[in-house]
Amino acid sequence: MNLIQETNFILHKYNITANKNFGQNFLIDENVLKNIVKASEVQKEDLIIEIGPGLGTLTSFLLEKAGKVICVEIDKKMLNILTDRFSLYENFELINDDILKVDLNKVISKNSNFKNVKVVANLPYYITTPIIMKLLEDKINLKSITVMVQKEVAKRLTETPGGKETGSITYSINYYTDAKLILEVSKECFIPSPKVDSAIIKLDLLKTPRIKLENEELFFKIIKSAFLQKRKTLINSLSNSGIKDKIYLENLLNELNIDIKIRAEQLTLEDFAKISNILNEA
């Protein structure tokens, strides 16, 4: 039985359909699944956290490779399926909750016997950014995050700050991780097919952030403010957000030898750090 047949069999057996509210699209390409597992470099000393396992298609691959797989699934309709499929696996655990509400540090502390903790998942596209930011901002002791996301989002996440695909989240990703795009995935690899193509990305967590900041909260506040009005210049965006007045900001950019007409997406991570560190002392 191939993955398409298996997926349709499970859906029919349990009389369920993909839930749009949870962004469910079921992956049916075995090669893509193997690429996710390969990219994540799952080993027996690893604790894997899978977000939104759905029918458990990826889960079955992970359980064969990992020391333990903890699945966090919000959809109650999936619980019976996952329990029926994997209850005999000693290295399987299921948490029925919203990943954004789960204290992952607490979960990990209960499984401290594993050498590495990795997140591997086919993420729901409608909450991709909040999930990734939670994983980074909660200071969870992760080695890597290997996830399937919308292709357009993948490009922003893996872009070098200042590149043409740069968005505000690009700076957060670059601050905390080494990011790379592993594989682009056609929308035809899912049922039901989403409207957009996808991509697998891998984020390797840095032991310490890429740059030194005097005030991390201010740094991210400045970036967020700079991108609220992306079509405007950096000075206009920051002044409109109440960071500082235009004259002060113009003098600041001149001091740093940054073009006063520059837009947010043209700045490097280091540029924002310099601006943030000076404003922190102002």
C-alpha atoms as a PDB file:
ATOM      1  CA  MET A   1       0.000   0.000   0.000  1.00  0.00           C
ATOM      2  CA  ASN A   2       1.492   3.345  -1.032  1.00  0.00           C
ATOM      3  CA  LEU A   3       1.107   6.565   0.957  1.00  0.00           C
ATOM      4  CA  ILE A   4      -1.820   7.848  -1.090  1.00  0.00           C
ATOM      5  CA  GLN A   5      -3.721   4.603  -0.532  1.00  0.00           C
ATOM      6  CA  GLU A   6      -2.743   4.485   3.129  1.00  0.00           C
ATOM      7  CA  THR A   7      -3.845   8.089   3.733  1.00  0.00           C
ATOM      8  CA  ASN A   8      -7.187   7.586   2.004  1.00  0.00           C
ATOM      9  CA  PHE A   9      -7.699   4.332   3.920  1.00  0.00           C
ATOM     10  CA  ILE A  10      -7.128   6.040   7.277  1.00  0.00           C
ATOM     11  CA  LEU A  11      -9.371   8.981   6.395  1.00  0.00           C
ATOM     12  CA  HIS A  12     -12.148   6.586   5.347  1.00  0.00           C
ATOM     13  CA  LYS A  13     -11.682   4.247   8.317  1.00  0.00           C
ATOM     14  CA  TYR A  14     -12.024   7.043  10.857  1.00  0.00           C
ATOM     15  CA  ASN A  15     -14.537   8.998   8.775  1.00  0.00           C
ATOM     16  CA  ILE A  16     -12.635  12.266   8.867  1.00  0.00           C
ATOM     17  CA  THR A  17     -11.596  14.988   6.444  1.00  0.00           C
ATOM     18  CA  ALA A  18      -8.825  17.554   6.567  1.00  0.00           C
ATOM     19  CA  ASN A  19      -9.702  20.365   8.970  1.00  0.00           C
ATOM     20  CA  LYS A  20      -9.110  23.748   7.319  1.00  0.00           C
ATOM     21  CA  ASN A  21      -9.237  25.481  10.700  1.00  0.00           C
ATOM     22  CA  PHE A  22      -6.082  23.591  11.688  1.00  0.00           C
ATOM     23  CA  GLY A  23      -4.445  24.019   8.284  1.00  0.00           C
ATOM     24  CA  GLN A  24      -4.381  20.290   7.606  1.00  0.00           C
ATOM     25  CA  ASN A  25      -2.874  19.017   4.365  1.00  0.00           C
ATOM     26  CA  PHE A  26      -1.617  15.448   4.451  1.00  0.00           C
ATOM     27  CA  LEU A  27       1.759  14.689   2.907  1.00  0.00           C
ATOM     28  CA  ILE A  28       1.659  11.729   0.511  1.00  0.00           C
ATOM     29  CA  ASP A  29       5.146  11.738  -1.029  1.00  0.00           C
ATOM     30  CA  GLU A  30       7.501   9.231   0.577  1.00  0.00           C
ATOM     31  CA  ASN A  31      10.607  10.849  -0.912  1.00  0.00           C
ATOM     32  CA  VAL A  32       9.719  14.162   0.714  1.00  0.00           C
ATOM     33  CA  LEU A  33       9.224  12.433   4.063  1.00  0.00           C
ATOM     34  CA  LYS A  34      12.610  10.742   3.743  1.00  0.00           C
ATOM     35  CA  ASN A  35      14.189  14.112   2.942  1.00  0.00           C
ATOM     36  CA  ILE A  36      12.701  15.658   6.082  1.00  0.00           C
ATOM     37  CA  VAL A  37      14.086  12.838   8.233  1.00  0.00           C
ATOM     38  CA  LYS A  38      17.456  12.936   6.483  1.00  0.00           C
ATOM     39  CA  ALA A  39      17.783  16.706   6.856  1.00  0.00           C
ATOM     40  CA  SER A  40      16.939  16.539  10.557  1.00  0.00           C
ATOM     41  CA  GLU A  41      19.657  13.904  11.098  1.00  0.00           C
ATOM     42  CA  VAL A  42      17.518  11.979  13.574  1.00  0.00           C
ATOM     43  CA  GLN A  43      19.486   9.604  15.787  1.00  0.00           C
ATOM     44  CA  LYS A  44      18.752   7.264  18.690  1.00  0.00           C
ATOM     45  CA  GLU A  45      20.084   9.749  21.254  1.00  0.00           C
ATOM     46  CA  ASP A  46      17.587  12.375  20.058  1.00  0.00           C
ATOM     47  CA  LEU A  47      14.321  13.504  21.571  1.00  0.00           C
ATOM     48  CA  ILE A  48      12.067  14.616  18.716  1.00  0.00           C
ATOM     49  CA  ILE A  49       9.163  16.999  19.159  1.00  0.00           C
ATOM     50  CA  GLU A  50       6.714  16.751  16.277  1.00  0.00           C
ATOM     51  CA  ILE A  51       4.145  19.542  15.987  1.00  0.00           C
ATOM     52  CA  GLY A  52       0.831  18.703  14.347  1.00  0.00           C
ATOM     53  CA  PRO A  53       1.461  15.044  13.431  1.00  0.00           C
ATOM     54  CA  GLY A  54      -2.036  14.659  11.972  1.00  0.00           C
ATOM     55  CA  LEU A  55      -2.420  11.092  10.697  1.00  0.00           C
ATOM     56  CA  GLY A  56       1.087  10.177  11.826  1.00  0.00           C
ATOM     57  CA  THR A  57       2.662   9.767   8.394  1.00  0.00           C
ATOM     58  CA  LEU A  58       5.884  11.544   9.351  1.00  0.00           C
ATOM     59  CA  THR A  59       5.660  10.152  12.883  1.00  0.00           C
ATOM     60  CA  SER A  60       6.087   6.579  11.636  1.00  0.00           C
ATOM     61  CA  PHE A  61       9.386   7.519   9.968  1.00  0.00           C
ATOM     62  CA  LEU A  62      10.632   9.396  13.045  1.00  0.00           C
ATOM     63  CA  LEU A  63       9.833   6.595  15.490  1.00  0.00           C
ATOM     64  CA  GLU A  64      12.124   4.208  13.625  1.00  0.00           C
ATOM     65  CA  LYS A  65      15.079   6.582  13.922  1.00  0.00           C
ATOM     66  CA  ALA A  66      14.659   8.565  17.169  1.00  0.00           C
ATOM     67  CA  GLY A  67      15.138   7.728  20.814  1.00  0.00           C
ATOM     68  CA  LYS A  68      11.728   9.201  21.539  1.00  0.00           C
ATOM     69  CA  VAL A  69       9.070  11.149  19.639  1.00  0.00           C
ATOM     70  CA  ILE A  70       6.690  13.480  21.469  1.00  0.00           C
ATOM     71  CA  CYS A  71       3.774  14.509  19.272  1.00  0.00           C
ATOM     72  CA  VAL A  72       1.828  17.667  20.068  1.00  0.00           C
ATOM     73  CA  GLU A  73      -1.570  17.540  18.358  1.00  0.00           C
ATOM     74  CA  ILE A  74      -4.424  20.015  18.887  1.00  0.00           C
ATOM     75  CA  ASP A  75      -7.086  18.162  16.855  1.00  0.00           C
ATOM     76  CA  LYS A  76      -8.935  15.692  19.080  1.00  0.00           C
ATOM     77  CA  LYS A  77     -10.062  13.761  15.983  1.00  0.00           C
ATOM     78  CA  MET A  78      -6.475  12.720  15.363  1.00  0.00           C
ATOM     79  CA  LEU A  79      -5.896  11.284  18.841  1.00  0.00           C
ATOM     80  CA  ASN A  80      -7.509   7.901  18.217  1.00  0.00           C
ATOM     81  CA  ILE A  81      -5.636   7.504  14.949  1.00  0.00           C
ATOM     82  CA  LEU A  82      -2.269   8.297  16.513  1.00  0.00           C
ATOM     83  CA  THR A  83      -2.935   6.110  19.559  1.00  0.00           C
ATOM     84  CA  ASP A  84      -4.096   3.184  17.422  1.00  0.00           C
ATOM     85  CA  ARG A  85      -1.067   3.431  15.169  1.00  0.00           C
ATOM     86  CA  PHE A  86       1.677   3.946  17.721  1.00  0.00           C
ATOM     87  CA  SER A  87       0.540   2.803  21.179  1.00  0.00           C
ATOM     88  CA  LEU A  88       2.841  -0.237  20.954  1.00  0.00           C
ATOM     89  CA  TYR A  89       5.894   1.979  20.418  1.00  0.00           C
ATOM     90  CA  GLU A  90       7.699   2.504  23.716  1.00  0.00           C
ATOM     91  CA  ASN A  91       9.315   5.671  22.349  1.00  0.00           C
ATOM     92  CA  PHE A  92       6.008   7.403  21.479  1.00  0.00           C
ATOM     93  CA  GLU A  93       4.226  10.055  23.546  1.00  0.00           C
ATOM     94  CA  LEU A  94       1.176  12.114  22.608  1.00  0.00           C
ATOM     95  CA  ILE A  95       0.195  15.522  23.982  1.00  0.00           C
ATOM     96  CA  ASN A  96      -3.247  16.873  23.060  1.00  0.00           C
ATOM     97  CA  ASP A  97      -2.775  20.629  23.251  1.00  0.00           C
ATOM     98  CA  ASP A  98      -2.105  23.831  21.341  1.00  0.00           C
ATOM     99  CA  ILE A  99       1.653  24.007  20.775  1.00  0.00           C
ATOM    100  CA  LEU A 100       1.589  27.739  21.523  1.00  0.00           C
ATOM    101  CA  LYS A 101       0.349  26.929  25.038  1.00  0.00           C
ATOM    102  CA  VAL A 102       2.685  24.030  25.790  1.00  0.00           C
ATOM    103  CA  ASP A 103       5.598  24.605  28.163  1.00  0.00           C
ATOM    104  CA  LEU A 104       8.230  22.827  26.097  1.00  0.00           C
ATOM    105  CA  ASN A 105      10.976  23.524  28.609  1.00  0.00           C
ATOM    106  CA  LYS A 106       8.978  21.527  31.146  1.00  0.00           C
ATOM    107  CA  VAL A 107       8.365  18.725  28.637  1.00  0.00           C
ATOM    108  CA  ILE A 108      12.046  18.537  27.804  1.00  0.00           C
ATOM    109  CA  SER A 109      13.127  18.591  31.459  1.00  0.00           C
ATOM    110  CA  LYS A 110      11.105  15.400  31.999  1.00  0.00           C
ATOM    111  CA  ASN A 111      13.144  13.761  29.222  1.00  0.00           C
ATOM    112  CA  SER A 112      16.592  14.967  30.188  1.00  0.00           C
ATOM    113  CA  ASN A 113      18.250  11.643  29.386  1.00  0.00           C
ATOM    114  CA  PHE A 114      18.439  12.490  25.673  1.00  0.00           C
ATOM    115  CA  LYS A 115      21.535  14.118  24.212  1.00  0.00           C
ATOM    116  CA  ASN A 116      19.759  16.366  21.704  1.00  0.00           C
ATOM    117  CA  VAL A 117      16.294  17.846  21.306  1.00  0.00           C
ATOM    118  CA  LYS A 118      15.063  18.506  17.785  1.00  0.00           C
ATOM    119  CA  VAL A 119      11.808  19.796  16.356  1.00  0.00           C
ATOM    120  CA  VAL A 120      10.653  18.056  13.181  1.00  0.00           C
ATOM    121  CA  ALA A 121       7.276  18.881  11.669  1.00  0.00           C
ATOM    122  CA  ASN A 122       5.034  19.692   8.761  1.00  0.00           C
ATOM    123  CA  LEU A 123       3.806  22.970  10.264  1.00  0.00           C
ATOM    124  CA  PRO A 124       0.291  24.374   9.834  1.00  0.00           C
ATOM    125  CA  TYR A 125       0.902  27.305   7.510  1.00  0.00           C
ATOM    126  CA  TYR A 126      -1.470  29.715   9.211  1.00  0.00           C
ATOM    127  CA  ILE A 127       0.610  29.763  12.415  1.00  0.00           C
ATOM    128  CA  THR A 128       4.102  29.011  11.089  1.00  0.00           C
ATOM    129  CA  THR A 129       5.645  32.271  12.282  1.00  0.00           C
ATOM    130  CA  PRO A 130       4.180  32.220  15.825  1.00  0.00           C
ATOM    131  CA  ILE A 131       5.352  28.624  16.296  1.00  0.00           C
ATOM    132  CA  ILE A 132       8.897  29.283  15.116  1.00  0.00           C
ATOM    133  CA  MET A 133       9.181  32.460  17.179  1.00  0.00           C
ATOM    134  CA  LYS A 134       7.939  30.620  20.267  1.00  0.00           C
ATOM    135  CA  LEU A 135      10.600  27.960  19.768  1.00  0.00           C
ATOM    136  CA  LEU A 136      13.287  30.637  19.546  1.00  0.00           C
ATOM    137  CA  GLU A 137      12.089  33.189  22.087  1.00  0.00           C
ATOM    138  CA  ASP A 138      11.302  30.662  24.826  1.00  0.00           C
ATOM    139  CA  LYS A 139      15.025  29.862  24.950  1.00  0.00           C
ATOM    140  CA  ILE A 140      14.336  26.151  24.539  1.00  0.00           C
ATOM    141  CA  ASN A 141      17.440  23.998  24.451  1.00  0.00           C
ATOM    142  CA  LEU A 142      17.025  22.832  20.869  1.00  0.00           C
ATOM    143  CA  LYS A 143      19.715  21.598  18.527  1.00  0.00           C
ATOM    144  CA  SER A 144      17.704  22.118  15.354  1.00  0.00           C
ATOM    145  CA  ILE A 145      14.306  22.820  13.824  1.00  0.00           C
ATOM    146  CA  THR A 146      13.482  21.015  10.569  1.00  0.00           C
ATOM    147  CA  VAL A 147      10.073  21.954   9.235  1.00  0.00           C
ATOM    148  CA  MET A 148       7.913  22.114   6.148  1.00  0.00           C
ATOM    149  CA  VAL A 149       6.505  25.585   5.554  1.00  0.00           C
ATOM    150  CA  GLN A 150       4.956  27.603   2.766  1.00  0.00           C
ATOM    151  CA  LYS A 151       7.560  28.223   0.041  1.00  0.00           C
ATOM    152  CA  GLU A 152       7.208  32.006   0.151  1.00  0.00           C
ATOM    153  CA  VAL A 153       7.711  31.987   3.924  1.00  0.00           C
ATOM    154  CA  ALA A 154      10.675  29.618   3.591  1.00  0.00           C
ATOM    155  CA  LYS A 155      12.461  32.143   1.403  1.00  0.00           C
ATOM    156  CA  ARG A 156      12.005  34.892   4.004  1.00  0.00           C
ATOM    157  CA  LEU A 157      13.120  32.624   6.826  1.00  0.00           C
ATOM    158  CA  THR A 158      16.305  31.512   5.077  1.00  0.00           C
ATOM    159  CA  GLU A 159      17.212  34.812   3.395  1.00  0.00           C
ATOM    160  CA  THR A 160      20.345  36.710   4.420  1.00  0.00           C
ATOM    161  CA  PRO A 161      19.307  40.018   6.053  1.00  0.00           C
ATOM    162  CA  GLY A 162      19.436  42.712   3.405  1.00  0.00           C
ATOM    163  CA  GLY A 163      18.584  40.287   0.589  1.00  0.00           C
ATOM    164  CA  LYS A 164      15.581  40.720  -1.697  1.00  0.00           C
ATOM    165  CA  GLU A 165      13.349  38.271   0.259  1.00  0.00           C
ATOM    166  CA  THR A 166      14.075  39.922   3.603  1.00  0.00           C
ATOM    167  CA  GLY A 167      11.219  40.369   6.072  1.00  0.00           C
ATOM    168  CA  SER A 168      11.202  41.284   9.749  1.00  0.00           C
ATOM    169  CA  ILE A 169      11.372  37.625  10.756  1.00  0.00           C
ATOM    170  CA  THR A 170      14.553  37.170   8.691  1.00  0.00           C
ATOM    171  CA  TYR A 171      16.489  39.081  11.345  1.00  0.00           C
ATOM    172  CA  SER A 172      15.131  36.964  14.198  1.00  0.00           C
ATOM    173  CA  ILE A 173      16.018  33.748  12.391  1.00  0.00           C
ATOM    174  CA  ASN A 174      19.503  35.016  11.553  1.00  0.00           C
ATOM    175  CA  TYR A 175      20.038  36.195  15.123  1.00  0.00           C
ATOM    176  CA  TYR A 176      19.270  32.800  16.647  1.00  0.00           C
ATOM    177  CA  THR A 177      20.151  30.262  13.920  1.00  0.00           C
ATOM    178  CA  ASP A 178      21.961  29.143  10.810  1.00  0.00           C
ATOM    179  CA  ALA A 179      19.129  28.685   8.318  1.00  0.00           C
ATOM    180  CA  LYS A 180      19.030  26.836   5.027  1.00  0.00           C
ATOM    181  CA  LEU A 181      16.416  25.789   2.509  1.00  0.00           C
ATOM    182  CA  ILE A 182      16.598  22.028   2.012  1.00  0.00           C
ATOM    183  CA  LEU A 183      14.021  21.198  -0.651  1.00  0.00           C
ATOM    184  CA  GLU A 184      11.105  22.798  -2.485  1.00  0.00           C
ATOM    185  CA  VAL A 185       7.950  20.686  -2.432  1.00  0.00           C
ATOM    186  CA  SER A 186       5.100  20.811  -4.940  1.00  0.00           C
ATOM    187  CA  LYS A 187       1.544  21.347  -3.694  1.00  0.00           C
ATOM    188  CA  GLU A 188       0.697  18.100  -5.523  1.00  0.00           C
ATOM    189  CA  CYS A 189       2.515  16.182  -2.776  1.00  0.00           C
ATOM    190  CA  PHE A 190      -0.411  16.738  -0.404  1.00  0.00           C
ATOM    191  CA  ILE A 191      -4.066  15.809  -0.090  1.00  0.00           C
ATOM    192  CA  PRO A 192      -5.971  17.972  -0.206  1.00  0.00           C
ATOM    193  CA  SER A 193      -3.567  20.073  -2.276  1.00  0.00           C
ATOM    194  CA  PRO A 194      -2.885  23.497  -0.753  1.00  0.00           C
ATOM    195  CA  LYS A 195      -2.990  26.577  -2.984  1.00  0.00           C
ATOM    196  CA  VAL A 196       0.759  27.139  -2.719  1.00  0.00           C
ATOM    197  CA  ASP A 197       3.979  25.155  -2.954  1.00  0.00           C
ATOM    198  CA  SER A 198       5.998  24.326   0.144  1.00  0.00           C
ATOM    199  CA  ALA A 199       9.609  23.936   1.197  1.00  0.00           C
ATOM    200  CA  ILE A 200      11.612  22.108   3.843  1.00  0.00           C
ATOM    201  CA  ILE A 201      13.912  24.335   5.869  1.00  0.00           C
ATOM    202  CA  LYS A 202      16.397  23.569   8.615  1.00  0.00           C
ATOM    203  CA  LEU A 203      17.359  25.954  11.406  1.00  0.00           C
ATOM    204  CA  ASP A 204      20.463  24.986  13.371  1.00  0.00           C
ATOM    205  CA  LEU A 205      20.365  26.796  16.707  1.00  0.00           C
ATOM    206  CA  LEU A 206      23.441  28.850  17.550  1.00  0.00           C
ATOM    207  CA  LYS A 207      24.992  28.287  20.980  1.00  0.00           C
ATOM    208  CA  THR A 208      24.948  32.045  21.474  1.00  0.00           C
ATOM    209  CA  PRO A 209      23.142  34.696  19.388  1.00  0.00           C
ATOM    210  CA  ARG A 210      25.006  35.858  16.305  1.00  0.00           C
ATOM    211  CA  ILE A 211      25.596  39.385  17.588  1.00  0.00           C
ATOM    212  CA  LYS A 212      25.926  41.080  20.963  1.00  0.00           C
ATOM    213  CA  LEU A 213      23.096  43.358  21.985  1.00  0.00           C
ATOM    214  CA  GLU A 214      22.767  45.792  24.860  1.00  0.00           C
ATOM    215  CA  ASN A 215      18.982  45.423  24.877  1.00  0.00           C
ATOM    216  CA  GLU A 216      17.436  42.498  22.997  1.00  0.00           C
ATOM    217  CA  GLU A 217      13.867  43.690  23.570  1.00  0.00           C
ATOM    218  CA  LEU A 218      14.642  47.113  22.094  1.00  0.00           C
ATOM    219  CA  PHE A 219      16.436  45.519  19.138  1.00  0.00           C
ATOM    220  CA  PHE A 220      13.379  43.516  18.102  1.00  0.00           C
ATOM    221  CA  LYS A 221      11.054  46.441  18.818  1.00  0.00           C
ATOM    222  CA  ILE A 222      13.051  48.572  16.381  1.00  0.00           C
ATOM    223  CA  ILE A 223      12.939  45.882  13.691  1.00  0.00           C
ATOM    224  CA  LYS A 224       9.210  45.387  14.145  1.00  0.00           C
ATOM    225  CA  SER A 225       8.617  49.150  13.934  1.00  0.00           C
ATOM    226  CA  ALA A 226      10.841  49.439  10.863  1.00  0.00           C
ATOM    227  CA  PHE A 227       8.763  46.859   8.972  1.00  0.00           C
ATOM    228  CA  LEU A 228       5.303  48.111   9.933  1.00  0.00           C
ATOM    229  CA  GLN A 229       5.499  50.564   7.045  1.00  0.00           C
ATOM    230  CA  LYS A 230       7.806  48.699   4.680  1.00  0.00           C
ATOM    231  CA  ARG A 231       7.366  51.089   1.733  1.00  0.00           C
ATOM    232  CA  LYS A 232       8.645  54.016   3.807  1.00  0.00           C
ATOM    233  CA  THR A 233      12.244  54.813   4.608  1.00  0.00           C
ATOM    234  CA  LEU A 234      13.702  53.574   7.865  1.00  0.00           C
ATOM    235  CA  ILE A 235      13.658  57.095   9.314  1.00  0.00           C
ATOM    236  CA  ASN A 236       9.982  57.601   8.514  1.00  0.00           C
ATOM    237  CA  SER A 237       9.006  54.177   9.849  1.00  0.00           C
ATOM    238  CA  LEU A 238      10.859  54.610  13.135  1.00  0.00           C
ATOM    239  CA  SER A 239       9.748  58.202  13.673  1.00  0.00           C
ATOM    240  CA  ASN A 240       6.114  57.318  12.909  1.00  0.00           C
ATOM    241  CA  SER A 241       6.370  54.537  15.483  1.00  0.00           C
ATOM    242  CA  GLY A 242       7.628  56.974  18.101  1.00  0.00           C
ATOM    243  CA  ILE A 243      11.114  55.515  18.402  1.00  0.00           C
ATOM    244  CA  LYS A 244      12.819  58.902  17.900  1.00  0.00           C
ATOM    245  CA  ASP A 245      12.217  62.062  15.876  1.00  0.00           C
ATOM    246  CA  LYS A 246      13.433  62.361  12.286  1.00  0.00           C
ATOM    247  CA  ILE A 247      16.274  64.778  13.008  1.00  0.00           C
ATOM    248  CA  TYR A 248      17.715  62.508  15.693  1.00  0.00           C
ATOM    249  CA  LEU A 249      17.430  59.458  13.453  1.00  0.00           C
ATOM    250  CA  GLU A 250      18.994  61.252  10.492  1.00  0.00           C
ATOM    251  CA  ASN A 251      21.976  62.251  12.633  1.00  0.00           C
ATOM    252  CA  LEU A 252      22.223  58.692  13.937  1.00  0.00           C
ATOM    253  CA  LEU A 253      22.331  57.169  10.445  1.00  0.00           C
ATOM    254  CA  ASN A 254      24.892  59.727   9.302  1.00  0.00           C
ATOM    255  CA  GLU A 255      27.037  58.813  12.309  1.00  0.00           C
ATOM    256  CA  LEU A 256      26.868  55.163  11.277  1.00  0.00           C
ATOM    257  CA  ASN A 257      27.482  55.936   7.579  1.00  0.00           C
ATOM    258  CA  ILE A 258      24.080  54.522   6.628  1.00  0.00           C
ATOM    259  CA  ASP A 259      22.106  56.125   3.786  1.00  0.00           C
ATOM    260  CA  ILE A 260      19.325  58.239   5.320  1.00  0.00           C
ATOM    261  CA  LYS A 261      16.976  57.086   2.538  1.00  0.00           C
ATOM    262  CA  ILE A 262      17.515  53.406   3.264  1.00  0.00           C
ATOM    263  CA  ARG A 263      14.546  51.093   3.790  1.00  0.00           C
ATOM    264  CA  ALA A 264      14.291  48.514   6.541  1.00  0.00           C
ATOM    265  CA  GLU A 265      14.792  45.457   4.337  1.00  0.00           C
ATOM    266  CA  GLN A 266      18.138  46.809   3.087  1.00  0.00           C
ATOM    267  CA  LEU A 267      19.790  46.804   6.504  1.00  0.00           C
ATOM    268  CA  THR A 268      22.019  44.024   7.785  1.00  0.00           C
ATOM    269  CA  LEU A 269      21.641  42.398  11.188  1.00  0.00           C
ATOM    270  CA  GLU A 270      24.709  44.348  12.308  1.00  0.00           C
ATOM    271  CA  ASP A 271      23.166  47.640  11.135  1.00  0.00           C
ATOM    272  CA  PHE A 272      20.103  47.119  13.304  1.00  0.00           C
ATOM    273  CA  ALA A 273      22.340  46.084  16.213  1.00  0.00           C
ATOM    274  CA  LYS A 274      24.363  49.307  15.978  1.00  0.00           C
ATOM    275  CA  ILE A 275      21.188  51.404  15.837  1.00  0.00           C
ATOM    276  CA  SER A 276      19.692  49.515  18.761  1.00  0.00           C
ATOM    277  CA  ASN A 277      22.791  49.739  20.937  1.00  0.00           C
ATOM    278  CA  ILE A 278      23.077  53.501  20.428  1.00  0.00           C
ATOM    279  CA  LEU A 279      19.374  54.087  21.095  1.00  0.00           C
ATOM    280  CA  ASN A 280      19.671  52.003  24.245  1.00  0.00           C
ATOM    281  CA  GLU A 281      22.183  54.504  25.600  1.00  0.00           C
ATOM    282  CA  ALA A 282      20.212  57.567  24.459  1.00  0.00           C
END
